[in-house]
Amino acid sequence: MDTVLILDGLRVILGFLILLFMPGFALSLAIFPRISDLSISDRLVYSLVLSIVSDIVFVVFMGVVPWLEPTTENLALVVCVFSDIVFMFWLGEWWYLNRRKKKHSGFRTPLRSAKDLTDVENRLQVESIRKLQKNILRDLTMFDVTSDSCRSSQKNIEHIRIPKNADVNKKLSEAEEELKDLNWLYD
């Protein structure tokens, strides 16, 4: 007796999910194919509203077609077939969008030349280069690496482009002074 009640309760819950969620969820995925297009709450609301509307349309459709009686089993069958077709359409749409994204993922915007940069951008670029040089000097000093011990690093450091209006020697001397002040940390 209890198993019959449990099975009937599961049948009712499954019926509500099939009728009030599945077709609307499939339609919301077809209309907004990317998962990130809608928030979860918006997608749930769209699913509920679209499911109710599609169920009304299915019942009217079953009333018009003479060989299809409007019973609960037939309605569930029509809803499941419709939802499967829409889910397959969404999978095709999702595959197409991901294929296009992978195809264009190699595209990168080119770096702008120094003459196209504004003064603020130029200052930020100079500051970031100086900070990079400072970090390189700190790391070289910390690990007792000299320029002779690693020729490729020296070449990489020498090839860092520095804008003409930057006073690098002053910044390097300031960095060396800071390193001398912080030398007790590394002992």
Foldseek 3Di string as FASTA:
>chain_A
DVVVVVVVVVVVVVLCCLQQAQLQLLVLCLVVVDPVPDDPVVSRVSRRVVSVVVLVVLQVVQVVDPVRHPDSVSSSVVSVVNSVVSNVSSVVVVVVVVVVCVVCVPDDDDDDDPVPDDPVVLVVVQVVLLVVVLVVVLVCVLVVNDCVNDVVVVVVNVPDDHDPPDPNVVSVVVSVVVCVVCVVVSD
